[in-house]
Amino acid sequence: MLVLSRRADESIVIQPADGVDGSLTLAQLFANGPIQITLLGGTGKRIKMGIDAPEQLAIRRKDVE
């Protein structure tokens, strides 16, 4: 599980991981299961979330692309 903290108006990007064939279908990308996002709590203007996703997908903070 990847754990990230985000503030209002901050984003995450979910895309095929580096080295993954860009021509894979959605069914192939999600063959090992769906993306699951769990809200773990928050303080003030931040929220902490845990993200489980198939290894074919990369999850990054939008500001770090």
Protein backbone atom coordinates (compact mmCIF):
# COMPACT_ATOMS: atom_id res chain seq x y z
CA MET A 1 0.00 0.00 0.00
CA LEU A 2 1.27 3.43 -0.95
CA VAL A 3 0.39 6.09 1.63
CA LEU A 4 0.17 9.73 0.53
CA SER A 5 -0.99 12.94 2.16
CA ARG A 6 -2.73 15.51 -0.02
CA ARG A 7 -4.18 18.96 0.58
CA ALA A 8 -7.22 20.48 -1.07
CA ASP A 9 -6.59 21.02 -4.80
CA GLU A 10 -3.58 18.64 -4.88
CA SER A 11 -3.80 15.60 -7.14
CA ILE A 12 -2.46 12.15 -7.82
CA VAL A 13 -1.82 10.61 -11.23
CA ILE A 14 -2.49 6.93 -11.98
CA GLN A 15 -0.94 5.67 -15.21
CA PRO A 16 0.83 2.63 -16.63
CA ALA A 17 4.13 2.07 -14.81
CA ASP A 18 7.45 2.65 -16.54
CA GLY A 19 8.31 -0.29 -18.75
CA VAL A 20 4.70 -1.46 -19.11
CA ASP A 21 3.44 -1.89 -22.67
CA GLY A 22 1.30 1.16 -23.43
CA SER A 23 -0.96 -0.87 -25.72
CA LEU A 24 -2.36 -3.04 -22.90
CA THR A 25 -6.12 -3.03 -22.61
CA LEU A 26 -7.90 -1.97 -19.40
CA ALA A 27 -8.74 -5.61 -18.79
CA GLN A 28 -5.04 -6.48 -18.96
CA LEU A 29 -4.00 -3.56 -16.73
CA PHE A 30 -6.54 -4.60 -14.10
CA ALA A 31 -6.07 -8.39 -14.43
CA ASN A 32 -4.56 -8.50 -10.90
CA GLY A 33 -7.40 -6.54 -9.32
CA PRO A 34 -8.84 -3.05 -9.00
CA ILE A 35 -7.45 0.14 -7.48
CA GLN A 36 -8.50 0.49 -3.85
CA ILE A 37 -8.24 3.86 -2.09
CA THR A 38 -8.61 3.93 1.69
CA LEU A 39 -8.95 7.24 3.50
CA LEU A 40 -6.77 6.87 6.59
CA GLY A 41 -7.54 10.14 8.35
CA GLY A 42 -6.79 13.78 8.23
CA THR A 43 -5.67 16.80 10.18
CA GLY A 44 -6.49 20.36 9.29
CA LYS A 45 -6.33 20.71 5.52
CA ARG A 46 -4.49 17.42 4.85
CA ILE A 47 -5.91 13.97 4.28
CA LYS A 48 -3.92 10.75 4.34
CA MET A 49 -4.89 8.02 1.91
CA GLY A 50 -3.64 4.52 1.24
CA ILE A 51 -3.69 3.25 -2.33
CA ASP A 52 -3.49 -0.38 -3.44
CA ALA A 53 -3.20 -0.91 -7.18
CA PRO A 54 -1.98 -3.56 -9.62
CA GLU A 55 1.79 -3.46 -10.13
CA GLN A 56 1.28 -2.48 -13.79
CA LEU A 57 0.08 0.93 -12.58
CA ALA A 58 2.16 3.76 -11.17
CA ILE A 59 0.71 6.23 -8.66
CA ARG A 60 2.46 9.55 -8.31
CA ARG A 61 1.80 12.92 -6.79
CA LYS A 62 0.83 15.28 -9.61
CA ASP A 63 3.47 17.82 -8.52
CA VAL A 64 6.31 15.25 -8.91
CA GLU A 65 5.59 13.99 -12.45
